[in-house]
């Protein structure tokens, strides 16, 4: 006993009719847009928080997230540019703190 496989599309359709083509699935455009917008907002928030604490960590993170959101064409480029500027400002504040105080921490007590 032999087992043969048959193609159902070729057996059910007449020989002269072409097989229907499957339409390609649309790309998930909305999800990519939301992700880029989220990166822009997150870079802004991390850059803002980085001015007060953890500027060594949060500054470069804000810069990378802002650049990623701009590369993915966010609908919020203003926030991405603000996140980029605040990330750079974090690193400038860190450089000033190291130069003036010789430390990477704030000293408000005189």
PDB file of N, CA and C in Angstrom:
ATOM      1  N   UNK A   1       0.845  -1.156   0.000  1.00  0.00           N
ATOM      2  CA  UNK A   1       0.000   0.000   0.000  1.00  0.00           C
ATOM      3  C   UNK A   1       0.899   1.231   0.000  1.00  0.00           C
ATOM      4  N   UNK A   2       0.646   2.135  -0.927  1.00  0.00           N
ATOM      5  CA  UNK A   2       1.430   3.361  -1.006  1.00  0.00           C
ATOM      6  C   UNK A   2       0.547   4.546  -0.673  1.00  0.00           C
ATOM      7  N   UNK A   3       1.162   5.530  -0.068  1.00  0.00           N
ATOM      8  CA  UNK A   3       0.451   6.742   0.338  1.00  0.00           C
ATOM      9  C   UNK A   3       0.904   7.882  -0.560  1.00  0.00           C
ATOM     10  N   UNK A   4      -0.028   8.514  -1.216  1.00  0.00           N
ATOM     11  CA  UNK A   4       0.320   9.638  -2.089  1.00  0.00           C
ATOM     12  C   UNK A   4      -0.341  10.904  -1.579  1.00  0.00           C
ATOM     13  N   UNK A   5       0.365  12.003  -1.721  1.00  0.00           N
ATOM     14  CA  UNK A   5      -0.165  13.294  -1.328  1.00  0.00           C
ATOM     15  C   UNK A   5      -0.596  14.049  -2.571  1.00  0.00           C
ATOM     16  N   UNK A   6      -1.755  14.632  -2.514  1.00  0.00           N
ATOM     17  CA  UNK A   6      -2.228  15.408  -3.653  1.00  0.00           C
ATOM     18  C   UNK A   6      -2.423  16.853  -3.225  1.00  0.00           C
ATOM     19  N   UNK A   7      -2.218  17.736  -4.149  1.00  0.00           N
ATOM     20  CA  UNK A   7      -2.411  19.154  -3.889  1.00  0.00           C
ATOM     21  C   UNK A   7      -3.879  19.477  -4.109  1.00  0.00           C
ATOM     22  N   UNK A   8      -4.571  19.923  -3.085  1.00  0.00           N
ATOM     23  CA  UNK A   8      -6.003  20.180  -3.194  1.00  0.00           C
ATOM     24  C   UNK A   8      -6.299  21.334  -4.139  1.00  0.00           C
ATOM     25  N   UNK A   9      -5.436  22.348  -4.176  1.00  0.00           N
ATOM     26  CA  UNK A   9      -5.689  23.492  -5.055  1.00  0.00           C
ATOM     27  C   UNK A   9      -5.642  23.077  -6.512  1.00  0.00           C
ATOM     28  N   UNK A  10      -4.737  22.191  -6.850  1.00  0.00           N
ATOM     29  CA  UNK A  10      -4.619  21.788  -8.248  1.00  0.00           C
ATOM     30  C   UNK A  10      -5.710  20.800  -8.642  1.00  0.00           C
ATOM     31  N   UNK A  11      -6.243  20.024  -7.717  1.00  0.00           N
ATOM     32  CA  UNK A  11      -7.271  19.060  -8.069  1.00  0.00           C
ATOM     33  C   UNK A  11      -8.651  19.683  -8.083  1.00  0.00           C
ATOM     34  N   UNK A  12      -8.911  20.720  -7.285  1.00  0.00           N
ATOM     35  CA  UNK A  12     -10.246  21.297  -7.223  1.00  0.00           C
ATOM     36  C   UNK A  12     -10.449  22.395  -8.262  1.00  0.00           C
ATOM     37  N   UNK A  13      -9.396  23.090  -8.662  1.00  0.00           N
ATOM     38  CA  UNK A  13      -9.519  24.160  -9.650  1.00  0.00           C
ATOM     39  C   UNK A  13      -9.304  23.595 -11.045  1.00  0.00           C
ATOM     40  N   UNK A  14     -10.006  24.151 -12.028  1.00  0.00           N
ATOM     41  CA  UNK A  14      -9.764  23.689 -13.402  1.00  0.00           C
ATOM     42  C   UNK A  14      -8.368  24.064 -13.860  1.00  0.00           C
ATOM     43  N   UNK A  15      -7.856  23.366 -14.835  1.00  0.00           N
ATOM     44  CA  UNK A  15      -6.484  23.555 -15.299  1.00  0.00           C
ATOM     45  C   UNK A  15      -6.267  24.919 -15.917  1.00  0.00           C
ATOM     46  N   UNK A  16      -7.294  25.548 -16.489  1.00  0.00           N
ATOM     47  CA  UNK A  16      -7.112  26.826 -17.163  1.00  0.00           C
ATOM     48  C   UNK A  16      -7.147  28.009 -16.195  1.00  0.00           C
ATOM     49  N   UNK A  17      -7.701  27.852 -15.001  1.00  0.00           N
ATOM     50  CA  UNK A  17      -7.812  28.966 -14.048  1.00  0.00           C
ATOM     51  C   UNK A  17      -6.516  29.092 -13.244  1.00  0.00           C
ATOM     52  N   UNK A  18      -5.966  30.316 -13.142  1.00  0.00           N
ATOM     53  CA  UNK A  18      -4.749  30.488 -12.336  1.00  0.00           C
ATOM     54  C   UNK A  18      -5.074  30.403 -10.842  1.00  0.00           C
ATOM     55  N   UNK A  19      -4.101  29.989 -10.089  1.00  0.00           N
ATOM     56  CA  UNK A  19      -4.278  29.899  -8.643  1.00  0.00           C
ATOM     57  C   UNK A  19      -4.323  31.306  -8.062  1.00  0.00           C
ATOM     58  N   UNK A  20      -5.215  31.558  -7.097  1.00  0.00           N
ATOM     59  CA  UNK A  20      -5.292  32.905  -6.497  1.00  0.00           C
ATOM     60  C   UNK A  20      -4.022  33.201  -5.695  1.00  0.00           C
ATOM     61  N   UNK A  21      -3.555  34.442  -5.827  1.00  0.00           N
ATOM     62  CA  UNK A  21      -2.348  34.841  -5.101  1.00  0.00           C
ATOM     63  C   UNK A  21      -2.736  35.373  -3.733  1.00  0.00           C
ATOM     64  N   UNK A  22      -1.959  35.006  -2.755  1.00  0.00           N
ATOM     65  CA  UNK A  22      -2.207  35.493  -1.407  1.00  0.00           C
ATOM     66  C   UNK A  22      -1.649  36.904  -1.275  1.00  0.00           C
ATOM     67  N   UNK A  23      -2.431  37.787  -0.722  1.00  0.00           N
ATOM     68  CA  UNK A  23      -1.988  39.171  -0.536  1.00  0.00           C
ATOM     69  C   UNK A  23      -0.992  39.223   0.618  1.00  0.00           C
ATOM     70  N   UNK A  24       0.082  39.984   0.467  1.00  0.00           N
ATOM     71  CA  UNK A  24       1.042  40.074   1.573  1.00  0.00           C
ATOM     72  C   UNK A  24       0.419  40.802   2.764  1.00  0.00           C
ATOM     73  N   UNK A  25       0.779  40.360   3.930  1.00  0.00           N
ATOM     74  CA  UNK A  25       0.249  40.961   5.150  1.00  0.00           C
ATOM     75  C   UNK A  25       0.838  42.350   5.328  1.00  0.00           C
ATOM     76  N   UNK A  26       0.023  43.334   5.710  1.00  0.00           N
ATOM     77  CA  UNK A  26       0.563  44.679   5.917  1.00  0.00           C
ATOM     78  C   UNK A  26       1.475  44.716   7.138  1.00  0.00           C
ATOM     79  N   UNK A  27       2.488  45.557   7.049  1.00  0.00           N
ATOM     80  CA  UNK A  27       3.442  45.680   8.153  1.00  0.00           C
ATOM     81  C   UNK A  27       2.766  46.359   9.337  1.00  0.00           C
ATOM     82  N   UNK A  28       3.119  45.962  10.543  1.00  0.00           N
ATOM     83  CA  UNK A  28       2.510  46.588  11.725  1.00  0.00           C
ATOM     84  C   UNK A  28       3.046  48.000  11.924  1.00  0.00           C
ATOM     85  N   UNK A  29       2.536  48.948  11.157  1.00  0.00           N
ATOM     86  CA  UNK A  29       3.021  50.330  11.165  1.00  0.00           C
ATOM     87  C   UNK A  29       2.668  51.034  12.465  1.00  0.00           C
ATOM     88  N   UNK A  30       1.486  50.787  12.971  1.00  0.00           N
ATOM     89  CA  UNK A  30       1.032  51.484  14.166  1.00  0.00           C
ATOM     90  C   UNK A  30       1.872  51.104  15.386  1.00  0.00           C
ATOM     91  N   UNK A  31       2.235  49.834  15.512  1.00  0.00           N
ATOM     92  CA  UNK A  31       3.031  49.393  16.659  1.00  0.00           C
ATOM     93  C   UNK A  31       4.423  49.999  16.611  1.00  0.00           C
ATOM     94  N   UNK A  32       5.021  50.093  15.423  1.00  0.00           N
ATOM     95  CA  UNK A  32       6.353  50.691  15.306  1.00  0.00           C
ATOM     96  C   UNK A  32       6.306  52.168  15.636  1.00  0.00           C
ATOM     97  N   UNK A  33       5.233  52.862  15.242  1.00  0.00           N
ATOM     98  CA  UNK A  33       5.087  54.280  15.557  1.00  0.00           C
ATOM     99  C   UNK A  33       4.951  54.513  17.046  1.00  0.00           C
ATOM    100  N   UNK A  34       4.177  53.664  17.707  1.00  0.00           N
ATOM    101  CA  UNK A  34       4.020  53.794  19.157  1.00  0.00           C
ATOM    102  C   UNK A  34       5.324  53.525  19.886  1.00  0.00           C
ATOM    103  N   UNK A  35       6.086  52.564  19.391  1.00  0.00           N
ATOM    104  CA  UNK A  35       7.370  52.252  20.020  1.00  0.00           C
ATOM    105  C   UNK A  35       8.332  53.428  19.892  1.00  0.00           C
ATOM    106  N   UNK A  36       8.376  54.053  18.725  1.00  0.00           N
ATOM    107  CA  UNK A  36       9.256  55.203  18.524  1.00  0.00           C
ATOM    108  C   UNK A  36       8.805  56.378  19.379  1.00  0.00           C
ATOM    109  N   UNK A  37       7.487  56.583  19.500  1.00  0.00           N
ATOM    110  CA  UNK A  37       6.983  57.658  20.354  1.00  0.00           C
ATOM    111  C   UNK A  37       7.331  57.393  21.813  1.00  0.00           C
ATOM    112  N   UNK A  38       7.230  56.144  22.228  1.00  0.00           N
ATOM    113  CA  UNK A  38       7.593  55.790  23.601  1.00  0.00           C
ATOM    114  C   UNK A  38       9.069  56.013  23.876  1.00  0.00           C
ATOM    115  N   UNK A  39       9.906  55.717  22.886  1.00  0.00           N
ATOM    116  CA  UNK A  39      11.340  55.971  23.044  1.00  0.00           C
ATOM    117  C   UNK A  39      11.623  57.459  23.177  1.00  0.00           C
ATOM    118  N   UNK A  40      10.902  58.283  22.420  1.00  0.00           N
ATOM    119  CA  UNK A  40      11.105  59.731  22.498  1.00  0.00           C
ATOM    120  C   UNK A  40      10.723  60.258  23.878  1.00  0.00           C
ATOM    121  N   UNK A  41       9.588  59.816  24.385  1.00  0.00           N
ATOM    122  CA  UNK A  41       9.141  60.269  25.702  1.00  0.00           C
ATOM    123  C   UNK A  41      10.085  59.757  26.792  1.00  0.00           C
ATOM    124  N   UNK A  42      10.507  58.504  26.674  1.00  0.00           N
ATOM    125  CA  UNK A  42      11.419  57.934  27.677  1.00  0.00           C
ATOM    126  C   UNK A  42      12.762  58.641  27.669  1.00  0.00           C
ATOM    127  N   UNK A  43      13.264  59.018  26.495  1.00  0.00           N
ATOM    128  CA  UNK A  43      14.540  59.734  26.451  1.00  0.00           C
ATOM    129  C   UNK A  43      14.409  61.101  27.109  1.00  0.00           C
ATOM    130  N   UNK A  44      13.268  61.770  26.895  1.00  0.00           N
ATOM    131  CA  UNK A  44      13.037  63.059  27.544  1.00  0.00           C
ATOM    132  C   UNK A  44      13.002  62.915  29.065  1.00  0.00           C
ATOM    133  N   UNK A  45      12.265  61.921  29.556  1.00  0.00           N
ATOM    134  CA  UNK A  45      12.137  61.726  31.013  1.00  0.00           C
ATOM    135  C   UNK A  45      13.482  61.327  31.617  1.00  0.00           C
ATOM    136  N   UNK A  46      14.204  60.415  30.985  1.00  0.00           N
ATOM    137  CA  UNK A  46      15.500  59.993  31.521  1.00  0.00           C
ATOM    138  C   UNK A  46      16.508  61.131  31.498  1.00  0.00           C
ATOM    139  N   UNK A  47      16.479  61.955  30.460  1.00  0.00           N
ATOM    140  CA  UNK A  47      17.368  63.107  30.415  1.00  0.00           C
ATOM    141  C   UNK A  47      17.052  64.108  31.499  1.00  0.00           C
ATOM    142  N   UNK A  48      15.771  64.295  31.776  1.00  0.00           N
ATOM    143  CA  UNK A  48      15.353  65.231  32.815  1.00  0.00           C
ATOM    144  C   UNK A  48      15.739  64.727  34.203  1.00  0.00           C
ATOM    145  N   UNK A  49      15.499  63.468  34.463  1.00  0.00           N
ATOM    146  CA  UNK A  49      15.862  62.885  35.764  1.00  0.00           C
ATOM    147  C   UNK A  49      17.379  62.826  35.895  1.00  0.00           C
ATOM    148  N   UNK A  50      18.072  62.619  34.789  1.00  0.00           N
ATOM    149  CA  UNK A  50      19.528  62.535  34.818  1.00  0.00           C
ATOM    150  C   UNK A  50      20.206  63.827  35.222  1.00  0.00           C
ATOM    151  N   UNK A  51      19.521  64.957  35.091  1.00  0.00           N
ATOM    152  CA  UNK A  51      20.099  66.215  35.557  1.00  0.00           C
ATOM    153  C   UNK A  51      20.242  66.236  37.071  1.00  0.00           C
ATOM    154  N   UNK A  52      19.408  65.479  37.767  1.00  0.00           N
ATOM    155  CA  UNK A  52      19.425  65.469  39.230  1.00  0.00           C
ATOM    156  C   UNK A  52      20.179  64.288  39.817  1.00  0.00           C
ATOM    157  N   UNK A  53      20.115  63.147  39.177  1.00  0.00           N
ATOM    158  CA  UNK A  53      20.739  61.948  39.743  1.00  0.00           C
ATOM    159  C   UNK A  53      21.146  60.992  38.632  1.00  0.00           C
ATOM    160  N   UNK A  54      22.189  60.243  38.869  1.00  0.00           N
ATOM    161  CA  UNK A  54      22.664  59.192  37.959  1.00  0.00           C
ATOM    162  C   UNK A  54      22.962  59.712  36.556  1.00  0.00           C
ATOM    163  N   UNK A  55      23.569  60.910  36.456  1.00  0.00           N
ATOM    164  CA  UNK A  55      23.820  61.458  35.123  1.00  0.00           C
ATOM    165  C   UNK A  55      24.817  60.634  34.330  1.00  0.00           C
ATOM    166  N   UNK A  56      25.671  59.890  34.964  1.00  0.00           N
ATOM    167  CA  UNK A  56      26.615  59.041  34.238  1.00  0.00           C
ATOM    168  C   UNK A  56      25.891  57.910  33.506  1.00  0.00           C
ATOM    169  N   UNK A  57      24.812  57.427  34.075  1.00  0.00           N
ATOM    170  CA  UNK A  57      24.049  56.332  33.479  1.00  0.00           C
ATOM    171  C   UNK A  57      22.899  56.832  32.602  1.00  0.00           C
ATOM    172  N   UNK A  58      22.154  57.807  33.102  1.00  0.00           N
ATOM    173  CA  UNK A  58      20.948  58.235  32.411  1.00  0.00           C
ATOM    174  C   UNK A  58      21.227  59.135  31.212  1.00  0.00           C
ATOM    175  N   UNK A  59      22.334  59.880  31.225  1.00  0.00           N
ATOM    176  CA  UNK A  59      22.662  60.751  30.097  1.00  0.00           C
ATOM    177  C   UNK A  59      22.888  59.987  28.806  1.00  0.00           C
ATOM    178  N   UNK A  60      23.824  59.037  28.795  1.00  0.00           N
ATOM    179  CA  UNK A  60      24.018  58.260  27.562  1.00  0.00           C
ATOM    180  C   UNK A  60      22.794  57.435  27.164  1.00  0.00           C
ATOM    181  N   UNK A  61      22.030  56.958  28.144  1.00  0.00           N
ATOM    182  CA  UNK A  61      20.816  56.207  27.828  1.00  0.00           C
ATOM    183  C   UNK A  61      19.801  57.100  27.125  1.00  0.00           C
ATOM    184  N   UNK A  62      19.643  58.327  27.606  1.00  0.00           N
ATOM    185  CA  UNK A  62      18.721  59.271  26.969  1.00  0.00           C
ATOM    186  C   UNK A  62      19.174  59.603  25.551  1.00  0.00           C
ATOM    187  N   UNK A  63      20.473  59.738  25.344  1.00  0.00           N
ATOM    188  CA  UNK A  63      20.999  60.046  24.012  1.00  0.00           C
ATOM    189  C   UNK A  63      20.709  58.903  23.046  1.00  0.00           C
ATOM    190  N   UNK A  64      20.972  57.686  23.471  1.00  0.00           N
ATOM    191  CA  UNK A  64      20.752  56.524  22.598  1.00  0.00           C
ATOM    192  C   UNK A  64      19.272  56.363  22.280  1.00  0.00           C
ATOM    193  N   UNK A  65      18.412  56.520  23.279  1.00  0.00           N
ATOM    194  CA  UNK A  65      16.974  56.367  23.038  1.00  0.00           C
ATOM    195  C   UNK A  65      16.446  57.466  22.127  1.00  0.00           C
ATOM    196  N   UNK A  66      16.951  58.677  22.262  1.00  0.00           N
ATOM    197  CA  UNK A  66      16.520  59.776  21.386  1.00  0.00           C
ATOM    198  C   UNK A  66      16.945  59.501  19.944  1.00  0.00           C
ATOM    199  N   UNK A  67      18.161  59.041  19.760  1.00  0.00           N
ATOM    200  CA  UNK A  67      18.633  58.750  18.406  1.00  0.00           C
ATOM    201  C   UNK A  67      17.856  57.598  17.777  1.00  0.00           C
ATOM    202  N   UNK A  68      17.519  56.583  18.568  1.00  0.00           N
ATOM    203  CA  UNK A  68      16.712  55.477  18.052  1.00  0.00           C
ATOM    204  C   UNK A  68      15.319  55.942  17.645  1.00  0.00           C
ATOM    205  N   UNK A  69      14.708  56.793  18.462  1.00  0.00           N
ATOM    206  CA  UNK A  69      13.365  57.263  18.121  1.00  0.00           C
ATOM    207  C   UNK A  69      13.391  58.148  16.881  1.00  0.00           C
ATOM    208  N   UNK A  70      14.437  58.954  16.717  1.00  0.00           N
ATOM    209  CA  UNK A  70      14.543  59.774  15.512  1.00  0.00           C
ATOM    210  C   UNK A  70      14.799  58.909  14.279  1.00  0.00           C
ATOM    211  N   UNK A  71      15.577  57.856  14.428  1.00  0.00           N
ATOM    212  CA  UNK A  71      15.838  56.957  13.309  1.00  0.00           C
ATOM    213  C   UNK A  71      14.578  56.194  12.899  1.00  0.00           C
ATOM    214  N   UNK A  72      13.702  55.928  13.853  1.00  0.00           N
ATOM    215  CA  UNK A  72      12.451  55.224  13.554  1.00  0.00           C
ATOM    216  C   UNK A  72      11.317  56.177  13.199  1.00  0.00           C
ATOM    217  N   UNK A  73      11.639  57.430  12.997  1.00  0.00           N
ATOM    218  CA  UNK A  73      10.698  58.463  12.564  1.00  0.00           C
ATOM    219  C   UNK A  73       9.513  58.593  13.499  1.00  0.00           C
ATOM    220  N   UNK A  74       9.806  59.043  14.706  1.00  0.00           N
ATOM    221  CA  UNK A  74       8.764  59.251  15.692  1.00  0.00           C
ATOM    222  C   UNK A  74       7.842  60.390  15.280  1.00  0.00           C
ATOM    223  N   UNK A  75       6.628  60.347  15.799  1.00  0.00           N
ATOM    224  CA  UNK A  75       5.703  61.449  15.569  1.00  0.00           C
ATOM    225  C   UNK A  75       5.920  62.565  16.587  1.00  0.00           C
ATOM    226  N   UNK A  76       6.846  62.371  17.502  1.00  0.00           N
ATOM    227  CA  UNK A  76       7.166  63.375  18.512  1.00  0.00           C
ATOM    228  C   UNK A  76       8.648  63.746  18.424  1.00  0.00           C
ATOM    229  N   UNK A  77       9.080  64.352  17.342  1.00  0.00           N
ATOM    230  CA  UNK A  77      10.504  64.664  17.216  1.00  0.00           C
ATOM    231  C   UNK A  77      10.963  65.732  18.200  1.00  0.00           C
ATOM    232  N   UNK A  78      10.048  66.595  18.630  1.00  0.00           N
ATOM    233  CA  UNK A  78      10.412  67.615  19.614  1.00  0.00           C
ATOM    234  C   UNK A  78      10.865  66.998  20.924  1.00  0.00           C
ATOM    235  N   UNK A  79      10.149  65.994  21.369  1.00  0.00           N
ATOM    236  CA  UNK A  79      10.534  65.322  22.606  1.00  0.00           C
ATOM    237  C   UNK A  79      11.830  64.545  22.433  1.00  0.00           C
ATOM    238  N   UNK A  80      12.014  63.986  21.257  1.00  0.00           N
ATOM    239  CA  UNK A  80      13.259  63.253  21.006  1.00  0.00           C
ATOM    240  C   UNK A  80      14.450  64.211  21.018  1.00  0.00           C
ATOM    241  N   UNK A  81      14.297  65.385  20.394  1.00  0.00           N
ATOM    242  CA  UNK A  81      15.380  66.372  20.408  1.00  0.00           C
ATOM    243  C   UNK A  81      15.622  66.917  21.813  1.00  0.00           C
ATOM    244  N   UNK A  82      14.553  67.101  22.588  1.00  0.00           N
ATOM    245  CA  UNK A  82      14.729  67.519  23.982  1.00  0.00           C
ATOM    246  C   UNK A  82      15.447  66.445  24.798  1.00  0.00           C
ATOM    247  N   UNK A  83      15.095  65.187  24.567  1.00  0.00           N
ATOM    248  CA  UNK A  83      15.781  64.092  25.249  1.00  0.00           C
ATOM    249  C   UNK A  83      17.248  64.035  24.876  1.00  0.00           C
ATOM    250  N   UNK A  84      17.540  64.292  23.609  1.00  0.00           N
ATOM    251  CA  UNK A  84      18.930  64.329  23.156  1.00  0.00           C
ATOM    252  C   UNK A  84      19.687  65.474  23.816  1.00  0.00           C
ATOM    253  N   UNK A  85      19.072  66.655  23.848  1.00  0.00           N
ATOM    254  CA  UNK A  85      19.717  67.816  24.475  1.00  0.00           C
ATOM    255  C   UNK A  85      19.904  67.607  25.977  1.00  0.00           C
ATOM    256  N   UNK A  86      18.910  67.028  26.639  1.00  0.00           N
ATOM    257  CA  UNK A  86      19.036  66.790  28.074  1.00  0.00           C
ATOM    258  C   UNK A  86      20.069  65.711  28.375  1.00  0.00           C
ATOM    259  N   UNK A  87      20.197  64.720  27.504  1.00  0.00           N
ATOM    260  CA  UNK A  87      21.233  63.698  27.687  1.00  0.00           C
ATOM    261  C   UNK A  87      22.622  64.303  27.578  1.00  0.00           C
ATOM    262  N   UNK A  88      22.801  65.202  26.608  1.00  0.00           N
ATOM    263  CA  UNK A  88      24.088  65.893  26.480  1.00  0.00           C
ATOM    264  C   UNK A  88      24.314  66.797  27.682  1.00  0.00           C
ATOM    265  N   UNK A  89      23.248  67.467  28.144  1.00  0.00           N
ATOM    266  CA  UNK A  89      23.370  68.325  29.330  1.00  0.00           C
ATOM    267  C   UNK A  89      23.748  67.502  30.563  1.00  0.00           C
ATOM    268  N   UNK A  90      23.249  66.282  30.665  1.00  0.00           N
ATOM    269  CA  UNK A  90      23.637  65.399  31.772  1.00  0.00           C
ATOM    270  C   UNK A  90      25.140  65.168  31.785  1.00  0.00           C
ATOM    271  N   UNK A  91      25.699  64.921  30.616  1.00  0.00           N
ATOM    272  CA  UNK A  91      27.139  64.675  30.542  1.00  0.00           C
ATOM    273  C   UNK A  91      27.942  65.947  30.809  1.00  0.00           C
ATOM    274  N   UNK A  92      27.404  67.102  30.411  1.00  0.00           N
ATOM    275  CA  UNK A  92      28.075  68.374  30.707  1.00  0.00           C
ATOM    276  C   UNK A  92      28.054  68.638  32.205  1.00  0.00           C
ATOM    277  N   UNK A  93      26.911  68.405  32.849  1.00  0.00           N
ATOM    278  CA  UNK A  93      26.828  68.571  34.309  1.00  0.00           C
ATOM    279  C   UNK A  93      27.799  67.634  35.002  1.00  0.00           C
ATOM    280  N   UNK A  94      27.910  66.423  34.536  1.00  0.00           N
ATOM    281  CA  UNK A  94      28.852  65.470  35.119  1.00  0.00           C
ATOM    282  C   UNK A  94      30.284  65.967  34.969  1.00  0.00           C
ATOM    283  N   UNK A  95      30.626  66.485  33.789  1.00  0.00           N
ATOM    284  CA  UNK A  95      31.987  67.002  33.578  1.00  0.00           C
ATOM    285  C   UNK A  95      32.268  68.195  34.475  1.00  0.00           C
ATOM    286  N   UNK A  96      31.292  69.069  34.658  1.00  0.00           N
ATOM    287  CA  UNK A  96      31.475  70.228  35.545  1.00  0.00           C
ATOM    288  C   UNK A  96      31.641  69.767  36.983  1.00  0.00           C
ATOM    289  N   UNK A  97      30.844  68.807  37.423  1.00  0.00           N
ATOM    290  CA  UNK A  97      30.962  68.308  38.796  1.00  0.00           C
ATOM    291  C   UNK A  97      32.325  67.675  39.042  1.00  0.00           C
ATOM    292  N   UNK A  98      32.800  66.914  38.098  1.00  0.00           N
ATOM    293  CA  UNK A  98      34.111  66.276  38.267  1.00  0.00           C
ATOM    294  C   UNK A  98      35.211  67.335  38.277  1.00  0.00           C
ATOM    295  N   UNK A  99      35.108  68.353  37.446  1.00  0.00           N
ATOM    296  CA  UNK A  99      36.132  69.388  37.363  1.00  0.00           C
ATOM    297  C   UNK A  99      36.143  70.268  38.608  1.00  0.00           C
ATOM    298  N   UNK A 100      34.988  70.706  39.063  1.00  0.00           N
ATOM    299  CA  UNK A 100      34.914  71.645  40.190  1.00  0.00           C
ATOM    300  C   UNK A 100      35.124  70.943  41.523  1.00  0.00           C
ATOM    301  N   UNK A 101      34.415  69.880  41.770  1.00  0.00           N
ATOM    302  CA  UNK A 101      34.454  69.219  43.074  1.00  0.00           C
ATOM    303  C   UNK A 101      35.393  68.024  43.134  1.00  0.00           C
ATOM    304  N   UNK A 102      35.755  67.485  42.009  1.00  0.00           N
ATOM    305  CA  UNK A 102      36.545  66.268  41.998  1.00  0.00           C
ATOM    306  C   UNK A 102      35.716  65.050  42.379  1.00  0.00           C
ATOM    307  N   UNK A 103      34.389  65.160  42.269  1.00  0.00           N
ATOM    308  CA  UNK A 103      33.505  64.060  42.624  1.00  0.00           C
ATOM    309  C   UNK A 103      32.345  64.007  41.624  1.00  0.00           C
ATOM    310  N   UNK A 104      31.614  62.932  41.628  1.00  0.00           N
ATOM    311  CA  UNK A 104      30.477  62.795  40.731  1.00  0.00           C
ATOM    312  C   UNK A 104      29.159  62.943  41.480  1.00  0.00           C
ATOM    313  N   UNK A 105      29.157  63.591  42.632  1.00  0.00           N
ATOM    314  CA  UNK A 105      27.934  63.764  43.407  1.00  0.00           C
ATOM    315  C   UNK A 105      27.684  65.238  43.682  1.00  0.00           C
ATOM    316  N   UNK A 106      26.432  65.555  43.945  1.00  0.00           N
ATOM    317  CA  UNK A 106      26.054  66.923  44.277  1.00  0.00           C
ATOM    318  C   UNK A 106      26.487  67.245  45.707  1.00  0.00           C
ATOM    319  N   UNK A 107      26.820  68.483  45.940  1.00  0.00           N
ATOM    320  CA  UNK A 107      27.177  68.928  47.278  1.00  0.00           C
ATOM    321  C   UNK A 107      26.533  70.284  47.499  1.00  0.00           C
ATOM    322  N   UNK A 108      25.329  70.286  48.049  1.00  0.00           N
ATOM    323  CA  UNK A 108      24.605  71.523  48.266  1.00  0.00           C
ATOM    324  C   UNK A 108      24.840  72.113  49.655  1.00  0.00           C
ATOM    325  N   UNK A 109      25.510  71.392  50.548  1.00  0.00           N
ATOM    326  CA  UNK A 109      25.677  71.828  51.915  1.00  0.00           C
ATOM    327  C   UNK A 109      26.845  72.767  52.148  1.00  0.00           C
ATOM    328  N   UNK A 110      27.585  73.127  51.158  1.00  0.00           N
ATOM    329  CA  UNK A 110      28.664  74.107  51.298  1.00  0.00           C
ATOM    330  C   UNK A 110      29.887  73.454  51.701  1.00  0.00           C
TER     331      UNK A 110
END
